[in-house]
Amino acid sequence: MADVHNKAIRSKNMAAISGRDTGPEMLIRKALHSRGYRYRLHDKRLAGKPDMVLPKYKAVIFIHGCFWHGHSCHLFKWPATRESFWRKKIEGNRERDASVIAQLEQNGWRVLTIWECGLKGKYRLDQDELTETISEWIKQGTSSLIIQGEE
């Protein structure tokens, strides 16, 4: 299927997509802040500049968009145009994510990865249950965790 936009408009649209302060990020930040958690945002001193850093708990949180990080869920579909570009980009993101998580864990950090499909779409999780799960993970001191939509 051909793109509905011309090349210049598609480029402008893609350039406008922000990597920070996204809707899913804001949702999690507000939920945790209302429960009394305080955190740093995008700490450049840590590998991968995690979306949220909770130094008191030695925990970091990444909130991944299913498209940009190539999650195998209903929200991800390989683009039909410029296939080699997108495969290279998304595979690079996946490899970088794995490397960053390994590096953080090696340095004693616990890593929580929250996928966008857990926050929106037809398989999203209940907001209160999700917040409770995150809160328990922060307090428990267990190892890394991945949260994604129910399928």
C-alpha atoms as a PDB file:
ATOM      1  CA  MET A   1       0.000   0.000   0.000  1.00  0.00           C
ATOM      2  CA  ALA A   2       1.342   3.407  -0.934  1.00  0.00           C
ATOM      3  CA  ASP A   3       1.901   6.084   1.674  1.00  0.00           C
ATOM      4  CA  VAL A   4      -0.959   8.591   1.941  1.00  0.00           C
ATOM      5  CA  HIS A   5       1.529  11.453   2.379  1.00  0.00           C
ATOM      6  CA  ASN A   6       4.200  12.729   0.054  1.00  0.00           C
ATOM      7  CA  LYS A   7       7.846  12.385   1.071  1.00  0.00           C
ATOM      8  CA  ALA A   8       8.176  15.903   2.556  1.00  0.00           C
ATOM      9  CA  ILE A   9       5.046  15.625   4.723  1.00  0.00           C
ATOM     10  CA  ARG A  10       5.972  12.110   5.916  1.00  0.00           C
ATOM     11  CA  SER A  11       9.450  13.367   6.839  1.00  0.00           C
ATOM     12  CA  LYS A  12       7.978  16.303   8.769  1.00  0.00           C
ATOM     13  CA  ASN A  13       5.559  14.002  10.620  1.00  0.00           C
ATOM     14  CA  MET A  14       8.278  11.524  11.576  1.00  0.00           C
ATOM     15  CA  ALA A  15      10.636  14.305  12.731  1.00  0.00           C
ATOM     16  CA  ALA A  16       7.917  15.645  15.033  1.00  0.00           C
ATOM     17  CA  ILE A  17       7.741  12.411  17.038  1.00  0.00           C
ATOM     18  CA  SER A  18       9.359  13.070  20.393  1.00  0.00           C
ATOM     19  CA  GLY A  19      11.387  10.573  22.374  1.00  0.00           C
ATOM     20  CA  ARG A  20      10.641  12.246  25.700  1.00  0.00           C
ATOM     21  CA  ASP A  21       7.541  13.187  27.640  1.00  0.00           C
ATOM     22  CA  THR A  22       5.395  10.847  25.585  1.00  0.00           C
ATOM     23  CA  GLY A  23       1.821  10.019  26.583  1.00  0.00           C
ATOM     24  CA  PRO A  24       2.766   6.603  28.023  1.00  0.00           C
ATOM     25  CA  GLU A  25       5.675   8.165  29.958  1.00  0.00           C
ATOM     26  CA  MET A  26       3.459  10.862  31.426  1.00  0.00           C
ATOM     27  CA  LEU A  27       0.863   8.293  32.473  1.00  0.00           C
ATOM     28  CA  ILE A  28       3.409   6.272  34.461  1.00  0.00           C
ATOM     29  CA  ARG A  29       5.133   9.343  35.886  1.00  0.00           C
ATOM     30  CA  LYS A  30       1.866  10.792  37.200  1.00  0.00           C
ATOM     31  CA  ALA A  31       0.766   7.462  38.660  1.00  0.00           C
ATOM     32  CA  LEU A  32       4.042   6.948  40.534  1.00  0.00           C
ATOM     33  CA  HIS A  33       4.304  10.559  41.659  1.00  0.00           C
ATOM     34  CA  SER A  34       0.796  10.372  43.145  1.00  0.00           C
ATOM     35  CA  ARG A  35       1.969   7.362  45.184  1.00  0.00           C
ATOM     36  CA  GLY A  36       4.856   9.363  46.603  1.00  0.00           C
ATOM     37  CA  TYR A  37       7.703   8.085  44.432  1.00  0.00           C
ATOM     38  CA  ARG A  38      10.331  10.595  43.430  1.00  0.00           C
ATOM     39  CA  TYR A  39      12.549   9.990  40.459  1.00  0.00           C
ATOM     40  CA  ARG A  40      14.960  11.526  37.992  1.00  0.00           C
ATOM     41  CA  LEU A  41      14.230  11.733  34.291  1.00  0.00           C
ATOM     42  CA  HIS A  42      16.594  10.626  31.526  1.00  0.00           C
ATOM     43  CA  ASP A  43      19.727  10.547  33.692  1.00  0.00           C
ATOM     44  CA  LYS A  44      22.619  10.939  31.252  1.00  0.00           C
ATOM     45  CA  ARG A  45      25.029   9.309  33.686  1.00  0.00           C
ATOM     46  CA  LEU A  46      23.371   5.913  33.179  1.00  0.00           C
ATOM     47  CA  ALA A  47      23.523   3.713  30.106  1.00  0.00           C
ATOM     48  CA  GLY A  48      20.572   4.289  27.791  1.00  0.00           C
ATOM     49  CA  LYS A  49      19.356   7.393  29.676  1.00  0.00           C
ATOM     50  CA  PRO A  50      16.411   5.558  31.321  1.00  0.00           C
ATOM     51  CA  ASP A  51      13.021   7.265  31.198  1.00  0.00           C
ATOM     52  CA  MET A  52      12.832   7.194  34.996  1.00  0.00           C
ATOM     53  CA  VAL A  53      15.508   6.569  37.624  1.00  0.00           C
ATOM     54  CA  LEU A  54      14.667   5.796  41.250  1.00  0.00           C
ATOM     55  CA  PRO A  55      18.091   5.994  42.948  1.00  0.00           C
ATOM     56  CA  LYS A  56      16.697   5.195  46.419  1.00  0.00           C
ATOM     57  CA  TYR A  57      15.564   1.790  45.123  1.00  0.00           C
ATOM     58  CA  LYS A  58      18.434   1.271  42.644  1.00  0.00           C
ATOM     59  CA  ALA A  59      15.776   0.891  39.953  1.00  0.00           C
ATOM     60  CA  VAL A  60      15.281   2.265  36.452  1.00  0.00           C
ATOM     61  CA  ILE A  61      12.207   2.255  34.234  1.00  0.00           C
ATOM     62  CA  PHE A  62      12.092   2.218  30.452  1.00  0.00           C
ATOM     63  CA  ILE A  63       8.774   2.896  28.719  1.00  0.00           C
ATOM     64  CA  HIS A  64       9.100   1.493  25.205  1.00  0.00           C
ATOM     65  CA  GLY A  65       6.951   2.261  22.202  1.00  0.00           C
ATOM     66  CA  CYS A  66       6.009  -1.019  20.544  1.00  0.00           C
ATOM     67  CA  PHE A  67       6.808   0.273  17.042  1.00  0.00           C
ATOM     68  CA  TRP A  68      10.160   1.914  17.756  1.00  0.00           C
ATOM     69  CA  HIS A  69      11.481  -1.011  19.781  1.00  0.00           C
ATOM     70  CA  GLY A  70       9.980  -3.781  17.636  1.00  0.00           C
ATOM     71  CA  HIS A  71       7.731  -5.465  20.193  1.00  0.00           C
ATOM     72  CA  SER A  72       5.919  -8.589  19.029  1.00  0.00           C
ATOM     73  CA  CYS A  73       2.377  -7.417  19.790  1.00  0.00           C
ATOM     74  CA  HIS A  74      -0.698  -6.139  17.981  1.00  0.00           C
ATOM     75  CA  LEU A  75       0.652  -2.561  17.956  1.00  0.00           C
ATOM     76  CA  PHE A  76       3.743  -3.462  15.904  1.00  0.00           C
ATOM     77  CA  LYS A  77       3.775  -4.035  12.157  1.00  0.00           C
ATOM     78  CA  TRP A  78       6.795  -3.874   9.888  1.00  0.00           C
ATOM     79  CA  PRO A  79       6.514  -0.881   7.543  1.00  0.00           C
ATOM     80  CA  ALA A  80       5.849  -1.762   3.911  1.00  0.00           C
ATOM     81  CA  THR A  81       7.986   1.062   2.529  1.00  0.00           C
ATOM     82  CA  ARG A  82      11.755   1.408   2.943  1.00  0.00           C
ATOM     83  CA  GLU A  83      11.827  -2.067   4.471  1.00  0.00           C
ATOM     84  CA  SER A  84      15.610  -2.383   4.709  1.00  0.00           C
ATOM     85  CA  PHE A  85      15.924   1.001   6.452  1.00  0.00           C
ATOM     86  CA  TRP A  86      13.266   0.161   9.047  1.00  0.00           C
ATOM     87  CA  ARG A  87      14.560  -3.359   9.671  1.00  0.00           C
ATOM     88  CA  LYS A  88      18.056  -2.015  10.267  1.00  0.00           C
ATOM     89  CA  LYS A  89      16.772   0.769  12.531  1.00  0.00           C
ATOM     90  CA  ILE A  90      14.428  -1.366  14.640  1.00  0.00           C
ATOM     91  CA  GLU A  91      16.874  -4.275  14.917  1.00  0.00           C
ATOM     92  CA  GLY A  92      19.518  -1.754  16.011  1.00  0.00           C
ATOM     93  CA  ASN A  93      17.131  -0.450  18.668  1.00  0.00           C
ATOM     94  CA  ARG A  94      16.498  -4.005  19.912  1.00  0.00           C
ATOM     95  CA  GLU A  95      20.221  -4.762  20.116  1.00  0.00           C
ATOM     96  CA  ARG A  96      20.937  -1.487  21.887  1.00  0.00           C
ATOM     97  CA  ASP A  97      18.095  -2.127  24.377  1.00  0.00           C
ATOM     98  CA  ALA A  98      19.508  -5.556  25.263  1.00  0.00           C
ATOM     99  CA  SER A  99      23.020  -4.144  25.657  1.00  0.00           C
ATOM    100  CA  VAL A 100      21.840  -1.249  27.834  1.00  0.00           C
ATOM    101  CA  ILE A 101      19.798  -3.519  30.109  1.00  0.00           C
ATOM    102  CA  ALA A 102      22.725  -5.919  30.517  1.00  0.00           C
ATOM    103  CA  GLN A 103      25.053  -3.031  31.352  1.00  0.00           C
ATOM    104  CA  LEU A 104      22.640  -1.560  33.922  1.00  0.00           C
ATOM    105  CA  GLU A 105      22.089  -4.953  35.574  1.00  0.00           C
ATOM    106  CA  GLN A 106      25.836  -5.546  35.671  1.00  0.00           C
ATOM    107  CA  ASN A 107      26.153  -2.237  37.547  1.00  0.00           C
ATOM    108  CA  GLY A 108      23.580  -3.332  40.135  1.00  0.00           C
ATOM    109  CA  TRP A 109      20.463  -1.619  38.769  1.00  0.00           C
ATOM    110  CA  ARG A 110      17.092  -3.317  38.525  1.00  0.00           C
ATOM    111  CA  VAL A 111      15.355  -2.660  35.213  1.00  0.00           C
ATOM    112  CA  LEU A 112      11.620  -2.427  34.541  1.00  0.00           C
ATOM    113  CA  THR A 113      10.549  -2.336  30.897  1.00  0.00           C
ATOM    114  CA  ILE A 114       6.980  -1.218  30.291  1.00  0.00           C
ATOM    115  CA  TRP A 115       5.686  -1.763  26.775  1.00  0.00           C
ATOM    116  CA  GLU A 116       3.232   0.656  25.203  1.00  0.00           C
ATOM    117  CA  CYS A 117       0.736  -2.193  24.596  1.00  0.00           C
ATOM    118  CA  GLY A 118       0.336  -2.502  28.371  1.00  0.00           C
ATOM    119  CA  LEU A 119      -0.847   1.112  28.506  1.00  0.00           C
ATOM    120  CA  LYS A 120      -3.009   1.435  25.411  1.00  0.00           C
ATOM    121  CA  GLY A 121      -4.707  -0.646  22.770  1.00  0.00           C
ATOM    122  CA  LYS A 122      -7.141  -3.503  23.060  1.00  0.00           C
ATOM    123  CA  TYR A 123      -4.948  -5.544  25.431  1.00  0.00           C
ATOM    124  CA  ARG A 124      -3.996  -2.751  27.850  1.00  0.00           C
ATOM    125  CA  LEU A 125      -3.792  -3.458  31.555  1.00  0.00           C
ATOM    126  CA  ASP A 126      -6.017  -1.933  34.204  1.00  0.00           C
ATOM    127  CA  GLN A 127      -4.367   1.335  35.309  1.00  0.00           C
ATOM    128  CA  ASP A 128      -4.731   0.704  39.047  1.00  0.00           C
ATOM    129  CA  GLU A 129      -3.436  -2.866  38.790  1.00  0.00           C
ATOM    130  CA  LEU A 130      -0.554  -1.694  36.616  1.00  0.00           C
ATOM    131  CA  THR A 131       0.414   1.013  39.097  1.00  0.00           C
ATOM    132  CA  GLU A 132       0.216  -1.501  41.947  1.00  0.00           C
ATOM    133  CA  THR A 133       2.426  -3.954  40.063  1.00  0.00           C
ATOM    134  CA  ILE A 134       5.015  -1.240  39.411  1.00  0.00           C
ATOM    135  CA  SER A 135       4.893  -0.061  43.019  1.00  0.00           C
ATOM    136  CA  GLU A 136       5.367  -3.596  44.350  1.00  0.00           C
ATOM    137  CA  TRP A 137       8.287  -4.167  41.991  1.00  0.00           C
ATOM    138  CA  ILE A 138       9.960  -0.950  43.138  1.00  0.00           C
ATOM    139  CA  LYS A 139       9.602  -1.882  46.834  1.00  0.00           C
ATOM    140  CA  GLN A 140      10.314  -5.626  46.613  1.00  0.00           C
ATOM    141  CA  GLY A 141      13.848  -5.415  45.349  1.00  0.00           C
ATOM    142  CA  THR A 142      13.436  -8.268  42.860  1.00  0.00           C
ATOM    143  CA  SER A 143      15.358  -8.434  39.632  1.00  0.00           C
ATOM    144  CA  SER A 144      14.292  -7.012  36.306  1.00  0.00           C
ATOM    145  CA  LEU A 145      10.697  -7.158  35.075  1.00  0.00           C
ATOM    146  CA  ILE A 146       8.832  -6.698  31.787  1.00  0.00           C
ATOM    147  CA  ILE A 147       5.243  -5.456  31.675  1.00  0.00           C
ATOM    148  CA  GLN A 148       3.243  -5.777  28.472  1.00  0.00           C
ATOM    149  CA  GLY A 149      -0.366  -5.974  27.326  1.00  0.00           C
ATOM    150  CA  GLU A 150      -2.484  -9.057  27.949  1.00  0.00           C
ATOM    151  CA  GLU A 151      -2.984 -11.161  24.856  1.00  0.00           C
END
